Amino acid sequence: MFEIAKSNINIKGGILSVDDTVLEKLYSVPKYAELIGYFWSGKYHQTIKGINLITLYYSDDDGHAVPVNYRLYDKKEEKTKNDYFREMVLEVISWGLEPRLVTGDSWYSGVENLKFLRNQKLGFLFGIEKNRTVSTEPKKYHQVSSLDIPAEGLITHLREFGIIKLYRKDSKKEDSRHYIIYFPDENVLKQVERSEFIIIHDAHWGIECFHRAIKQVCGICRFMVRDSQAIRTHVFCALQAFIRLEKMRAEKTIANWYEVQRNLFTSVIKEYIMNHLSTACAT
C-alpha cells in the first residue's frame, strides 16, 4: 500500500499519526471469523464486536494525507496494539518515509513507545492521561491534572522519560485534555509556541476524519465474508479506494472525499423522481 500511497505525498517532513478504529460487525459470530473479536469503541462507549484496524496516517506540508501502513489486530499473533505501532513505524522508516514527528492519543503514550520514538530520533505529540506525573523540581512529582499549566505550555520532566513540554486543552463539552510534545533538540522544544501545538493537534485530527471516510464512502465495513484472507483483501481494497479519492481531491477533480458518493446518490434520486413524475402524468 505504501508504494501506491507515496506518489501522492512528500515523504519528508510531515506528521505521522497513529490511531485505531473498530470496523463494526455487530451481528457476526466471532468463532466463525478469526479477525472478529470484542474491542472498545469510542463511538458506542462500550466494547463491541468487530475488527480492530490500526493505521499510520501521514500528512505532508502541502495538505495531502494518506494511510501509509496498517494492521488488522489478530489475537493469534499475541501482540498488542503498541507492538503493532512500533513495528509499523520501523517499516515506514525503512521504506524511506521521514516524518518530522509522530502523533497519537493517550493509548499510545506509554513510556516504552516514547523511548522507542526517542531512539528513532523522532519528535512526537501525544495525549496523556490526567494521572501521569511530572516533576518541575527534583524528586517532586505531581499529576498533570493538579498543575497550573500556562497557555504557552510548561517545560517539565515526565516521569521515567525526560524533558517534555506539557499543554492543556480545555473543552466546554468534556474534561480538559493534556498533551506532551518532545523534540530531540531541547532548544527546538523550548521554542515551540501554542500556535504550533494547535497546528500539530489539528493535523492529528485528520486520522479521525480518515476513519469516518473509509466507513462512510469506501465501504470498509461492508463485507459478507468470513475467511481471513478475504477480509484482509477487502480492507486493502477499501484503503486503496480512499487513496484514490485523496488523489482526486489533491488534483481538484473533486472538492472533498464525499463528492463522488453524493453525486451518485443525487443522480439516482433525480432519475427516480423524474420517472415517478412521468408515470404519474401518464396515468
C-alpha atoms as a PDB file:
ATOM      1  CA  MET A   1       0.000   0.000   0.000  1.00  0.00           C
ATOM      2  CA  PHE A   2       2.892   2.372   0.708  1.00  0.00           C
ATOM      3  CA  GLU A   3       4.070   2.051  -2.892  1.00  0.00           C
ATOM      4  CA  ILE A   4       0.620   3.198  -4.012  1.00  0.00           C
ATOM      5  CA  ALA A   5       0.385   5.992  -1.448  1.00  0.00           C
ATOM      6  CA  LYS A   6       3.839   7.553  -1.683  1.00  0.00           C
ATOM      7  CA  SER A   7       3.284   9.051  -5.149  1.00  0.00           C
ATOM      8  CA  ASN A   8       0.637  11.340  -3.600  1.00  0.00           C
ATOM      9  CA  ILE A   9       2.768  12.794  -0.781  1.00  0.00           C
ATOM     10  CA  ASN A  10       6.031  14.475   0.078  1.00  0.00           C
ATOM     11  CA  ILE A  11       7.643  11.722   2.154  1.00  0.00           C
ATOM     12  CA  LYS A  12       9.891  14.131   4.086  1.00  0.00           C
ATOM     13  CA  GLY A  13       8.964  16.420   6.958  1.00  0.00           C
ATOM     14  CA  GLY A  14       5.318  15.525   7.525  1.00  0.00           C
ATOM     15  CA  ILE A  15       3.306  14.330  10.512  1.00  0.00           C
ATOM     16  CA  LEU A  16       2.798  10.610  11.109  1.00  0.00           C
ATOM     17  CA  SER A  17      -0.308   9.815  13.174  1.00  0.00           C
ATOM     18  CA  VAL A  18      -1.321   6.544  14.797  1.00  0.00           C
ATOM     19  CA  ASP A  19      -4.817   5.525  15.846  1.00  0.00           C
ATOM     20  CA  ASP A  20      -7.148   2.574  15.657  1.00  0.00           C
ATOM     21  CA  THR A  21     -10.816   2.109  14.901  1.00  0.00           C
ATOM     22  CA  VAL A  22     -13.306  -0.753  15.111  1.00  0.00           C
ATOM     23  CA  LEU A  23     -14.883  -1.970  11.875  1.00  0.00           C
ATOM     24  CA  GLU A  24     -18.289  -2.786  13.302  1.00  0.00           C
ATOM     25  CA  LYS A  25     -19.644  -6.308  12.726  1.00  0.00           C
ATOM     26  CA  LEU A  26     -22.311  -6.251  15.420  1.00  0.00           C
ATOM     27  CA  TYR A  27     -24.212  -9.284  14.150  1.00  0.00           C
ATOM     28  CA  SER A  28     -21.268 -11.530  13.313  1.00  0.00           C
ATOM     29  CA  VAL A  29     -20.282 -14.607  15.315  1.00  0.00           C
ATOM     30  CA  PRO A  30     -16.593 -14.312  16.319  1.00  0.00           C
ATOM     31  CA  LYS A  31     -15.987 -18.067  16.316  1.00  0.00           C
ATOM     32  CA  TYR A  32     -16.716 -18.158  12.574  1.00  0.00           C
ATOM     33  CA  ALA A  33     -14.278 -15.361  11.640  1.00  0.00           C
ATOM     34  CA  GLU A  34     -10.807 -15.266  13.207  1.00  0.00           C
ATOM     35  CA  LEU A  35     -10.288 -11.496  12.951  1.00  0.00           C
ATOM     36  CA  ILE A  36     -13.599 -10.548  14.579  1.00  0.00           C
ATOM     37  CA  GLY A  37     -13.495 -10.006  18.322  1.00  0.00           C
ATOM     38  CA  TYR A  38     -14.572  -7.633  21.062  1.00  0.00           C
ATOM     39  CA  PHE A  39     -12.966  -4.175  21.100  1.00  0.00           C
ATOM     40  CA  TRP A  40     -13.623  -0.892  22.840  1.00  0.00           C
ATOM     41  CA  SER A  41     -15.455   1.604  20.637  1.00  0.00           C
ATOM     42  CA  GLY A  42     -15.309   5.348  21.274  1.00  0.00           C
ATOM     43  CA  LYS A  43     -18.457   5.733  19.170  1.00  0.00           C
ATOM     44  CA  TYR A  44     -20.527   3.328  21.278  1.00  0.00           C
ATOM     45  CA  HIS A  45     -18.608   3.959  24.527  1.00  0.00           C
ATOM     46  CA  GLN A  46     -18.504   0.230  25.178  1.00  0.00           C
ATOM     47  CA  THR A  47     -16.982  -2.999  23.890  1.00  0.00           C
ATOM     48  CA  ILE A  48     -18.487  -4.117  20.588  1.00  0.00           C
ATOM     49  CA  LYS A  49     -17.952  -6.877  18.030  1.00  0.00           C
ATOM     50  CA  GLY A  50     -15.800  -6.009  15.072  1.00  0.00           C
ATOM     51  CA  ILE A  51     -12.306  -5.901  13.602  1.00  0.00           C
ATOM     52  CA  ASN A  52      -9.661  -3.611  15.056  1.00  0.00           C
ATOM     53  CA  LEU A  53      -7.832  -1.621  12.372  1.00  0.00           C
ATOM     54  CA  ILE A  54      -4.604   0.120  13.456  1.00  0.00           C
ATOM     55  CA  THR A  55      -3.332   2.707  10.993  1.00  0.00           C
ATOM     56  CA  LEU A  56      -0.372   5.000  10.410  1.00  0.00           C
ATOM     57  CA  TYR A  57      -1.675   8.087   8.597  1.00  0.00           C
ATOM     58  CA  TYR A  58       0.745  10.587   7.095  1.00  0.00           C
ATOM     59  CA  SER A  59       0.059  14.293   6.435  1.00  0.00           C
ATOM     60  CA  ASP A  60       2.580  16.309   4.439  1.00  0.00           C
ATOM     61  CA  ASP A  61       3.152  20.064   4.487  1.00  0.00           C
ATOM     62  CA  ASP A  62       1.160  20.523   1.267  1.00  0.00           C
ATOM     63  CA  GLY A  63      -2.066  19.305   2.853  1.00  0.00           C
ATOM     64  CA  HIS A  64      -2.053  15.816   1.331  1.00  0.00           C
ATOM     65  CA  ALA A  65      -2.725  12.901   3.667  1.00  0.00           C
ATOM     66  CA  VAL A  66      -2.923   9.132   3.154  1.00  0.00           C
ATOM     67  CA  PRO A  67      -2.602   5.904   5.129  1.00  0.00           C
ATOM     68  CA  VAL A  68       0.941   4.534   4.796  1.00  0.00           C
ATOM     69  CA  ASN A  69       0.776   1.354   6.904  1.00  0.00           C
ATOM     70  CA  TYR A  70      -1.802  -0.650   8.800  1.00  0.00           C
ATOM     71  CA  ARG A  71      -2.524  -3.797  10.765  1.00  0.00           C
ATOM     72  CA  LEU A  72      -5.630  -5.821  11.494  1.00  0.00           C
ATOM     73  CA  TYR A  73      -5.470  -6.964  15.098  1.00  0.00           C
ATOM     74  CA  ASP A  74      -5.037 -10.744  15.147  1.00  0.00           C
ATOM     75  CA  LYS A  75      -5.129 -12.382  18.563  1.00  0.00           C
ATOM     76  CA  LYS A  76      -3.234 -15.386  17.192  1.00  0.00           C
ATOM     77  CA  GLU A  77      -0.152 -13.188  16.825  1.00  0.00           C
ATOM     78  CA  GLU A  78      -0.205 -12.444  20.574  1.00  0.00           C
ATOM     79  CA  LYS A  79       0.773  -8.810  20.027  1.00  0.00           C
ATOM     80  CA  THR A  80      -0.619  -5.605  21.494  1.00  0.00           C
ATOM     81  CA  LYS A  81      -1.631  -2.514  19.548  1.00  0.00           C
ATOM     82  CA  ASN A  82       1.575  -0.910  20.805  1.00  0.00           C
ATOM     83  CA  ASP A  83       3.605  -3.802  19.380  1.00  0.00           C
ATOM     84  CA  TYR A  84       1.942  -3.244  16.013  1.00  0.00           C
ATOM     85  CA  PHE A  85       2.587   0.500  16.255  1.00  0.00           C
ATOM     86  CA  ARG A  86       6.327   0.109  16.782  1.00  0.00           C
ATOM     87  CA  GLU A  87       6.567  -2.489  14.001  1.00  0.00           C
ATOM     88  CA  MET A  88       4.808  -0.202  11.548  1.00  0.00           C
ATOM     89  CA  VAL A  89       6.966   2.816  12.393  1.00  0.00           C
ATOM     90  CA  LEU A  90      10.132   0.818  11.757  1.00  0.00           C
ATOM     91  CA  GLU A  91       8.688  -0.408   8.463  1.00  0.00           C
ATOM     92  CA  VAL A  92       7.755   3.013   7.068  1.00  0.00           C
ATOM     93  CA  ILE A  93      11.150   4.400   8.053  1.00  0.00           C
ATOM     94  CA  SER A  94      12.853   1.520   6.247  1.00  0.00           C
ATOM     95  CA  TRP A  95      10.695   2.315   3.196  1.00  0.00           C
ATOM     96  CA  GLY A  96      12.019   5.880   3.086  1.00  0.00           C
ATOM     97  CA  LEU A  97       9.411   7.907   4.993  1.00  0.00           C
ATOM     98  CA  GLU A  98      10.981  10.738   7.000  1.00  0.00           C
ATOM     99  CA  PRO A  99       8.336  12.230   9.306  1.00  0.00           C
ATOM    100  CA  ARG A 100       9.092  15.321  11.361  1.00  0.00           C
ATOM    101  CA  LEU A 101       7.145  13.968  14.305  1.00  0.00           C
ATOM    102  CA  VAL A 102       4.628  11.323  15.382  1.00  0.00           C
ATOM    103  CA  THR A 103       1.227  11.950  16.987  1.00  0.00           C
ATOM    104  CA  GLY A 104      -1.204   9.737  18.872  1.00  0.00           C
ATOM    105  CA  ASP A 105      -3.740   9.616  21.673  1.00  0.00           C
ATOM    106  CA  SER A 106      -3.092   8.544  25.250  1.00  0.00           C
ATOM    107  CA  TRP A 107      -3.380   4.833  24.425  1.00  0.00           C
ATOM    108  CA  TYR A 108      -0.049   5.036  22.594  1.00  0.00           C
ATOM    109  CA  SER A 109       1.751   7.322  25.061  1.00  0.00           C
ATOM    110  CA  GLY A 110       3.253   4.636  27.262  1.00  0.00           C
ATOM    111  CA  VAL A 111       6.885   5.080  28.295  1.00  0.00           C
ATOM    112  CA  GLU A 112       8.032   2.206  26.063  1.00  0.00           C
ATOM    113  CA  ASN A 113       6.604   3.907  22.975  1.00  0.00           C
ATOM    114  CA  LEU A 114       8.024   7.300  23.940  1.00  0.00           C
ATOM    115  CA  LYS A 115      11.532   5.887  24.467  1.00  0.00           C
ATOM    116  CA  PHE A 116      11.218   3.959  21.211  1.00  0.00           C
ATOM    117  CA  LEU A 117      10.476   7.152  19.271  1.00  0.00           C
ATOM    118  CA  ARG A 118      13.305   8.982  21.024  1.00  0.00           C
ATOM    119  CA  ASN A 119      15.687   6.192  19.967  1.00  0.00           C
ATOM    120  CA  GLN A 120      14.482   6.701  16.387  1.00  0.00           C
ATOM    121  CA  LYS A 121      15.293  10.424  16.789  1.00  0.00           C
ATOM    122  CA  LEU A 122      11.667  11.351  16.174  1.00  0.00           C
ATOM    123  CA  GLY A 123       9.725  14.134  17.826  1.00  0.00           C
ATOM    124  CA  PHE A 124       6.166  13.494  18.961  1.00  0.00           C
ATOM    125  CA  LEU A 125       2.915  14.861  20.328  1.00  0.00           C
ATOM    126  CA  PHE A 126       0.764  12.508  22.408  1.00  0.00           C
ATOM    127  CA  GLY A 127      -2.251  12.845  24.602  1.00  0.00           C
ATOM    128  CA  ILE A 128      -1.651  11.630  28.146  1.00  0.00           C
ATOM    129  CA  GLU A 129      -3.952  10.642  30.984  1.00  0.00           C
ATOM    130  CA  LYS A 130      -4.549  13.185  33.743  1.00  0.00           C
ATOM    131  CA  ASN A 131      -2.842  10.970  36.346  1.00  0.00           C
ATOM    132  CA  ARG A 132       0.548  10.936  34.584  1.00  0.00           C
ATOM    133  CA  THR A 133       3.197  12.535  36.765  1.00  0.00           C
ATOM    134  CA  VAL A 134       5.773  15.196  36.013  1.00  0.00           C
ATOM    135  CA  SER A 135       8.412  16.985  38.021  1.00  0.00           C
ATOM    136  CA  THR A 136       9.026  20.708  37.932  1.00  0.00           C
ATOM    137  CA  GLU A 137      11.674  20.389  40.638  1.00  0.00           C
ATOM    138  CA  PRO A 138      13.978  17.465  41.563  1.00  0.00           C
ATOM    139  CA  LYS A 139      12.275  14.420  43.148  1.00  0.00           C
ATOM    140  CA  LYS A 140       8.893  16.149  43.496  1.00  0.00           C
ATOM    141  CA  TYR A 141       6.289  14.695  41.157  1.00  0.00           C
ATOM    142  CA  HIS A 142       2.739  15.895  40.589  1.00  0.00           C
ATOM    143  CA  GLN A 143      -0.156  14.631  38.484  1.00  0.00           C
ATOM    144  CA  VAL A 144      -0.635  16.807  35.408  1.00  0.00           C
ATOM    145  CA  SER A 145      -4.262  17.484  36.359  1.00  0.00           C
ATOM    146  CA  SER A 146      -3.115  19.266  39.533  1.00  0.00           C
ATOM    147  CA  LEU A 147      -0.721  21.665  37.817  1.00  0.00           C
ATOM    148  CA  ASP A 148      -1.246  25.245  36.759  1.00  0.00           C
ATOM    149  CA  ILE A 149      -0.203  24.990  33.105  1.00  0.00           C
ATOM    150  CA  PRO A 150       0.231  28.296  31.235  1.00  0.00           C
ATOM    151  CA  ALA A 151      -1.279  28.648  27.763  1.00  0.00           C
ATOM    152  CA  GLU A 152       2.188  28.665  26.182  1.00  0.00           C
ATOM    153  CA  GLY A 153       2.971  25.289  27.775  1.00  0.00           C
ATOM    154  CA  LEU A 154       5.196  24.074  30.583  1.00  0.00           C
ATOM    155  CA  ILE A 155       8.688  22.632  30.188  1.00  0.00           C
ATOM    156  CA  THR A 156       8.908  19.806  32.695  1.00  0.00           C
ATOM    157  CA  HIS A 157      10.220  16.291  33.324  1.00  0.00           C
ATOM    158  CA  LEU A 158       7.925  13.370  32.531  1.00  0.00           C
ATOM    159  CA  ARG A 159       8.445  10.513  34.950  1.00  0.00           C
ATOM    160  CA  GLU A 160      10.579   7.676  33.536  1.00  0.00           C
ATOM    161  CA  PHE A 161      11.165   9.574  30.297  1.00  0.00           C
ATOM    162  CA  GLY A 162      12.727  13.036  30.409  1.00  0.00           C
ATOM    163  CA  ILE A 163      12.185  16.644  29.381  1.00  0.00           C
ATOM    164  CA  ILE A 164       8.931  17.410  27.521  1.00  0.00           C
ATOM    165  CA  LYS A 165       6.597  20.346  27.046  1.00  0.00           C
ATOM    166  CA  LEU A 166       3.158  19.968  28.614  1.00  0.00           C
ATOM    167  CA  TYR A 167      -0.048  21.527  27.298  1.00  0.00           C
ATOM    168  CA  ARG A 168      -3.632  21.570  28.495  1.00  0.00           C
ATOM    169  CA  LYS A 169      -6.543  21.890  26.072  1.00  0.00           C
ATOM    170  CA  ASP A 170      -9.851  22.887  27.627  1.00  0.00           C
ATOM    171  CA  SER A 171     -13.249  21.918  26.258  1.00  0.00           C
ATOM    172  CA  LYS A 172     -16.783  23.037  27.082  1.00  0.00           C
ATOM    173  CA  LYS A 173     -18.196  19.545  26.496  1.00  0.00           C
ATOM    174  CA  GLU A 174     -15.662  17.373  28.334  1.00  0.00           C
ATOM    175  CA  ASP A 175     -12.819  17.390  30.825  1.00  0.00           C
ATOM    176  CA  SER A 176      -9.581  19.129  29.951  1.00  0.00           C
ATOM    177  CA  ARG A 177      -7.102  17.042  27.970  1.00  0.00           C
ATOM    178  CA  HIS A 178      -3.346  17.009  28.428  1.00  0.00           C
ATOM    179  CA  TYR A 179      -0.680  16.657  25.752  1.00  0.00           C
ATOM    180  CA  ILE A 180       3.082  16.305  25.698  1.00  0.00           C
ATOM    181  CA  ILE A 181       5.448  17.464  22.972  1.00  0.00           C
ATOM    182  CA  TYR A 182       9.008  16.240  22.539  1.00  0.00           C
ATOM    183  CA  PHE A 183      11.767  17.108  20.090  1.00  0.00           C
ATOM    184  CA  PRO A 184      15.246  15.531  20.116  1.00  0.00           C
ATOM    185  CA  ASP A 185      16.735  19.030  20.155  1.00  0.00           C
ATOM    186  CA  GLU A 186      15.809  20.584  23.513  1.00  0.00           C
ATOM    187  CA  ASN A 187      16.315  24.092  22.097  1.00  0.00           C
ATOM    188  CA  VAL A 188      13.663  23.407  19.462  1.00  0.00           C
ATOM    189  CA  LEU A 189      11.352  22.111  22.188  1.00  0.00           C
ATOM    190  CA  LYS A 190      11.706  25.310  24.204  1.00  0.00           C
ATOM    191  CA  GLN A 191      10.815  27.405  21.150  1.00  0.00           C
ATOM    192  CA  VAL A 192       7.532  25.585  20.459  1.00  0.00           C
ATOM    193  CA  GLU A 193       4.623  28.022  20.789  1.00  0.00           C
ATOM    194  CA  ARG A 194       0.974  27.261  21.433  1.00  0.00           C
ATOM    195  CA  SER A 195       0.114  28.088  17.822  1.00  0.00           C
ATOM    196  CA  GLU A 196       2.394  25.269  16.663  1.00  0.00           C
ATOM    197  CA  PHE A 197       0.879  22.925  19.233  1.00  0.00           C
ATOM    198  CA  ILE A 198      -2.592  23.697  17.812  1.00  0.00           C
ATOM    199  CA  ILE A 199      -1.397  23.090  14.240  1.00  0.00           C
ATOM    200  CA  ILE A 200       0.068  19.695  15.170  1.00  0.00           C
ATOM    201  CA  HIS A 201      -3.013  18.779  17.218  1.00  0.00           C
ATOM    202  CA  ASP A 202      -5.311  19.673  14.305  1.00  0.00           C
ATOM    203  CA  ALA A 203      -3.180  17.636  11.908  1.00  0.00           C
ATOM    204  CA  HIS A 204      -3.647  14.604  14.153  1.00  0.00           C
ATOM    205  CA  TRP A 205      -7.426  15.095  13.932  1.00  0.00           C
ATOM    206  CA  GLY A 206      -7.079  14.167  10.256  1.00  0.00           C
ATOM    207  CA  ILE A 207      -6.838  10.473  11.146  1.00  0.00           C
ATOM    208  CA  GLU A 208     -10.276  10.690  12.797  1.00  0.00           C
ATOM    209  CA  CYS A 209     -11.679  12.180   9.579  1.00  0.00           C
ATOM    210  CA  PHE A 210      -9.968   9.391   7.644  1.00  0.00           C
ATOM    211  CA  HIS A 211     -11.624   6.715   9.789  1.00  0.00           C
ATOM    212  CA  ARG A 212     -15.007   8.296   9.203  1.00  0.00           C
ATOM    213  CA  ALA A 213     -14.457   8.483   5.449  1.00  0.00           C
ATOM    214  CA  ILE A 214     -13.350   4.869   4.952  1.00  0.00           C
ATOM    215  CA  LYS A 215     -16.538   3.746   6.710  1.00  0.00           C
ATOM    216  CA  GLN A 216     -18.935   6.149   5.006  1.00  0.00           C
ATOM    217  CA  VAL A 217     -17.622   6.294   1.441  1.00  0.00           C
ATOM    218  CA  CYS A 218     -15.193   3.378   0.995  1.00  0.00           C
ATOM    219  CA  GLY A 219     -17.397   0.601   2.396  1.00  0.00           C
ATOM    220  CA  ILE A 220     -14.674  -0.836   4.599  1.00  0.00           C
ATOM    221  CA  CYS A 221     -17.207  -2.396   6.989  1.00  0.00           C
ATOM    222  CA  ARG A 222     -19.402  -3.817   4.214  1.00  0.00           C
ATOM    223  CA  PHE A 223     -18.130  -7.307   3.597  1.00  0.00           C
ATOM    224  CA  MET A 224     -20.005 -10.594   3.738  1.00  0.00           C
ATOM    225  CA  VAL A 225     -17.080 -12.999   4.025  1.00  0.00           C
ATOM    226  CA  ARG A 226     -15.582 -14.960   6.926  1.00  0.00           C
ATOM    227  CA  ASP A 227     -12.258 -16.128   5.527  1.00  0.00           C
ATOM    228  CA  SER A 228      -9.398 -14.098   6.995  1.00  0.00           C
ATOM    229  CA  GLN A 229      -7.630 -13.615   3.676  1.00  0.00           C
ATOM    230  CA  ALA A 230     -10.842 -12.426   2.020  1.00  0.00           C
ATOM    231  CA  ILE A 231     -11.374  -9.917   4.838  1.00  0.00           C
ATOM    232  CA  ARG A 232      -7.795  -8.647   4.504  1.00  0.00           C
ATOM    233  CA  THR A 233      -8.247  -8.266   0.737  1.00  0.00           C
ATOM    234  CA  HIS A 234     -11.440  -6.268   1.234  1.00  0.00           C
ATOM    235  CA  VAL A 235      -9.776  -3.914   3.754  1.00  0.00           C
ATOM    236  CA  PHE A 236      -6.787  -3.416   1.453  1.00  0.00           C
ATOM    237  CA  CYS A 237      -9.100  -2.518  -1.448  1.00  0.00           C
ATOM    238  CA  ALA A 238     -11.087  -0.083   0.703  1.00  0.00           C
ATOM    239  CA  LEU A 239      -7.885   1.698   1.748  1.00  0.00           C
ATOM    240  CA  GLN A 240      -6.772   1.874  -1.880  1.00  0.00           C
ATOM    241  CA  ALA A 241     -10.143   3.445  -2.705  1.00  0.00           C
ATOM    242  CA  PHE A 242      -9.505   6.139  -0.102  1.00  0.00           C
ATOM    243  CA  ILE A 243      -6.040   6.855  -1.536  1.00  0.00           C
ATOM    244  CA  ARG A 244      -7.687   7.290  -4.933  1.00  0.00           C
ATOM    245  CA  LEU A 245     -10.247   9.715  -3.502  1.00  0.00           C
ATOM    246  CA  GLU A 246      -7.485  11.710  -1.805  1.00  0.00           C
ATOM    247  CA  LYS A 247      -5.571  11.874  -5.090  1.00  0.00           C
ATOM    248  CA  MET A 248      -8.698  13.199  -6.846  1.00  0.00           C
ATOM    249  CA  ARG A 249      -9.149  15.785  -4.094  1.00  0.00           C
ATOM    250  CA  ALA A 250      -5.493  16.854  -4.320  1.00  0.00           C
ATOM    251  CA  GLU A 251      -5.836  17.219  -8.101  1.00  0.00           C
ATOM    252  CA  LYS A 252      -9.049  19.242  -7.542  1.00  0.00           C
ATOM    253  CA  THR A 253     -11.095  16.746  -9.555  1.00  0.00           C
ATOM    254  CA  ILE A 254     -13.392  16.667  -6.531  1.00  0.00           C
ATOM    255  CA  ALA A 255     -13.785  19.162  -3.691  1.00  0.00           C
ATOM    256  CA  ASN A 256     -13.831  16.536  -0.929  1.00  0.00           C
ATOM    257  CA  TRP A 257     -13.894  12.789  -0.341  1.00  0.00           C
ATOM    258  CA  TYR A 258     -17.695  12.684  -0.161  1.00  0.00           C
ATOM    259  CA  GLU A 259     -18.430  14.337  -3.513  1.00  0.00           C
ATOM    260  CA  VAL A 260     -18.354  11.199  -5.675  1.00  0.00           C
ATOM    261  CA  GLN A 261     -20.812   9.366  -3.448  1.00  0.00           C
ATOM    262  CA  ARG A 262     -23.070  12.405  -3.136  1.00  0.00           C
ATOM    263  CA  ASN A 263     -23.165  12.925  -6.894  1.00  0.00           C
ATOM    264  CA  LEU A 264     -24.034   9.284  -7.493  1.00  0.00           C
ATOM    265  CA  PHE A 265     -26.793   9.433  -4.892  1.00  0.00           C
ATOM    266  CA  THR A 266     -28.187  12.713  -6.280  1.00  0.00           C
ATOM    267  CA  SER A 267     -28.277  11.272  -9.806  1.00  0.00           C
ATOM    268  CA  VAL A 268     -30.184   8.179  -8.685  1.00  0.00           C
ATOM    269  CA  ILE A 269     -32.735  10.221  -6.702  1.00  0.00           C
ATOM    270  CA  LYS A 270     -33.208  12.647  -9.597  1.00  0.00           C
ATOM    271  CA  GLU A 271     -33.814   9.787 -12.028  1.00  0.00           C
ATOM    272  CA  TYR A 272     -36.255   8.136  -9.637  1.00  0.00           C
ATOM    273  CA  ILE A 273     -38.253  11.364  -9.175  1.00  0.00           C
ATOM    274  CA  MET A 274     -38.376  12.076 -12.921  1.00  0.00           C
ATOM    275  CA  ASN A 275     -39.554   8.505 -13.673  1.00  0.00           C
ATOM    276  CA  HIS A 276     -42.131   8.714 -10.905  1.00  0.00           C
ATOM    277  CA  LEU A 277     -43.473  12.041 -12.251  1.00  0.00           C
ATOM    278  CA  SER A 278     -43.594  10.700 -15.813  1.00  0.00           C
ATOM    279  CA  THR A 279     -45.569   7.666 -14.685  1.00  0.00           C
ATOM    280  CA  ALA A 280     -47.939   9.841 -12.655  1.00  0.00           C
ATOM    281  CA  CYS A 281     -48.540  12.197 -15.588  1.00  0.00           C
ATOM    282  CA  ALA A 282     -49.172   9.296 -17.968  1.00  0.00           C
ATOM    283  CA  THR A 283     -51.708   7.833 -15.537  1.00  0.00           C
END
